[in-house]
Amino acid sequence: MTDRGIPTEMKTGFNLVEDDSVTENIASIIIAFMENAVKSAAIYVKHSGRKGISVEEFKRARMLEIFLM
């Protein structure tokens, strides 16, 4: 503050400092969904008698995990 009581810095109300904890939390949630999607796709592939997961199966497993779980 100056001698007249005027602040030297103006605050906008937004935190201008990067907070890595939010990024880490979002990344951990996405990783958890992806792990479960891979497990779901692997179960489907195993029951269908094949050995590899296709892109479409992985896509559907992600949708299952995000929208239904």
C-alpha atoms as a PDB file:
ATOM      1  CA  MET A   1       0.000   0.000   0.000  1.00  0.00           C
ATOM      2  CA  THR A   2       1.100   3.508  -0.669  1.00  0.00           C
ATOM      3  CA  ASP A   3       1.084   6.222   1.956  1.00  0.00           C
ATOM      4  CA  ARG A   4      -2.394   7.318   0.752  1.00  0.00           C
ATOM      5  CA  GLY A   5      -3.908   3.862   1.292  1.00  0.00           C
ATOM      6  CA  ILE A   6      -3.987   2.903  -2.391  1.00  0.00           C
ATOM      7  CA  PRO A   7      -2.965  -0.693  -3.062  1.00  0.00           C
ATOM      8  CA  THR A   8       0.132  -1.131  -5.200  1.00  0.00           C
ATOM      9  CA  GLU A   9      -1.316  -4.196  -6.910  1.00  0.00           C
ATOM     10  CA  MET A  10      -4.821  -4.697  -8.203  1.00  0.00           C
ATOM     11  CA  LYS A  11      -6.483  -8.075  -7.741  1.00  0.00           C
ATOM     12  CA  THR A  12      -8.946  -9.423 -10.278  1.00  0.00           C
ATOM     13  CA  GLY A  13     -10.431 -12.127  -8.102  1.00  0.00           C
ATOM     14  CA  PHE A  14      -8.852 -14.875 -10.197  1.00  0.00           C
ATOM     15  CA  ASN A  15      -5.875 -16.864  -9.047  1.00  0.00           C
ATOM     16  CA  LEU A  16      -3.178 -16.064 -11.565  1.00  0.00           C
ATOM     17  CA  VAL A  17      -0.761 -18.594 -10.109  1.00  0.00           C
ATOM     18  CA  GLU A  18      -0.839 -22.019 -11.776  1.00  0.00           C
ATOM     19  CA  ASP A  19      -2.117 -24.719  -9.468  1.00  0.00           C
ATOM     20  CA  ASP A  20      -0.770 -28.119 -10.484  1.00  0.00           C
ATOM     21  CA  SER A  21      -3.028 -30.039  -8.105  1.00  0.00           C
ATOM     22  CA  VAL A  22      -6.069 -29.453 -10.333  1.00  0.00           C
ATOM     23  CA  THR A  23      -4.211 -30.760 -13.372  1.00  0.00           C
ATOM     24  CA  GLU A  24      -2.994 -33.784 -11.427  1.00  0.00           C
ATOM     25  CA  ASN A  25      -6.510 -34.540 -10.157  1.00  0.00           C
ATOM     26  CA  ILE A  26      -7.997 -34.379 -13.644  1.00  0.00           C
ATOM     27  CA  ALA A  27      -5.211 -36.547 -15.045  1.00  0.00           C
ATOM     28  CA  SER A  28      -5.692 -39.169 -12.314  1.00  0.00           C
ATOM     29  CA  ILE A  29      -9.444 -39.327 -12.994  1.00  0.00           C
ATOM     30  CA  ILE A  30      -8.847 -39.770 -16.727  1.00  0.00           C
ATOM     31  CA  ILE A  31      -6.253 -42.474 -16.083  1.00  0.00           C
ATOM     32  CA  ALA A  32      -8.679 -44.343 -13.814  1.00  0.00           C
ATOM     33  CA  PHE A  33     -11.390 -44.256 -16.501  1.00  0.00           C
ATOM     34  CA  MET A  34      -8.925 -45.417 -19.162  1.00  0.00           C
ATOM     35  CA  GLU A  35      -7.677 -48.316 -17.037  1.00  0.00           C
ATOM     36  CA  ASN A  36     -11.221 -49.499 -16.452  1.00  0.00           C
ATOM     37  CA  ALA A  37     -12.035 -49.099 -20.148  1.00  0.00           C
ATOM     38  CA  VAL A  38      -9.079 -51.288 -21.110  1.00  0.00           C
ATOM     39  CA  LYS A  39     -10.219 -53.929 -18.617  1.00  0.00           C
ATOM     40  CA  SER A  40     -13.772 -53.843 -20.008  1.00  0.00           C
ATOM     41  CA  ALA A  41     -12.520 -54.095 -23.595  1.00  0.00           C
ATOM     42  CA  ALA A  42     -10.241 -56.986 -22.629  1.00  0.00           C
ATOM     43  CA  ILE A  43     -13.166 -58.869 -21.098  1.00  0.00           C
ATOM     44  CA  TYR A  44     -15.185 -58.390 -24.277  1.00  0.00           C
ATOM     45  CA  VAL A  45     -12.307 -59.560 -26.485  1.00  0.00           C
ATOM     46  CA  LYS A  46     -11.680 -62.590 -24.285  1.00  0.00           C
ATOM     47  CA  HIS A  47     -15.330 -63.639 -24.481  1.00  0.00           C
ATOM     48  CA  SER A  48     -15.366 -63.184 -28.249  1.00  0.00           C
ATOM     49  CA  GLY A  49     -12.366 -65.511 -28.611  1.00  0.00           C
ATOM     50  CA  ARG A  50      -9.935 -62.984 -30.064  1.00  0.00           C
ATOM     51  CA  LYS A  51      -6.557 -61.785 -28.850  1.00  0.00           C
ATOM     52  CA  GLY A  52      -6.490 -58.053 -29.633  1.00  0.00           C
ATOM     53  CA  ILE A  53      -8.549 -54.993 -28.763  1.00  0.00           C
ATOM     54  CA  SER A  54      -9.744 -52.969 -31.745  1.00  0.00           C
ATOM     55  CA  VAL A  55     -10.190 -49.211 -31.785  1.00  0.00           C
ATOM     56  CA  GLU A  56     -13.972 -49.536 -31.899  1.00  0.00           C
ATOM     57  CA  GLU A  57     -14.026 -51.831 -28.862  1.00  0.00           C
ATOM     58  CA  PHE A  58     -11.832 -49.443 -26.922  1.00  0.00           C
ATOM     59  CA  LYS A  59     -14.085 -46.554 -27.930  1.00  0.00           C
ATOM     60  CA  ARG A  60     -17.188 -48.397 -26.747  1.00  0.00           C
ATOM     61  CA  ALA A  61     -15.498 -49.437 -23.494  1.00  0.00           C
ATOM     62  CA  ARG A  62     -14.603 -45.782 -22.791  1.00  0.00           C
ATOM     63  CA  MET A  63     -18.202 -44.771 -23.421  1.00  0.00           C
ATOM     64  CA  LEU A  64     -19.365 -47.520 -21.088  1.00  0.00           C
ATOM     65  CA  GLU A  65     -17.028 -46.384 -18.317  1.00  0.00           C
ATOM     66  CA  ILE A  66     -17.793 -42.697 -18.619  1.00  0.00           C
ATOM     67  CA  PHE A  67     -21.542 -42.763 -19.155  1.00  0.00           C
ATOM     68  CA  LEU A  68     -22.673 -45.839 -17.238  1.00  0.00           C
ATOM     69  CA  MET A  69     -20.295 -46.229 -14.339  1.00  0.00           C
END
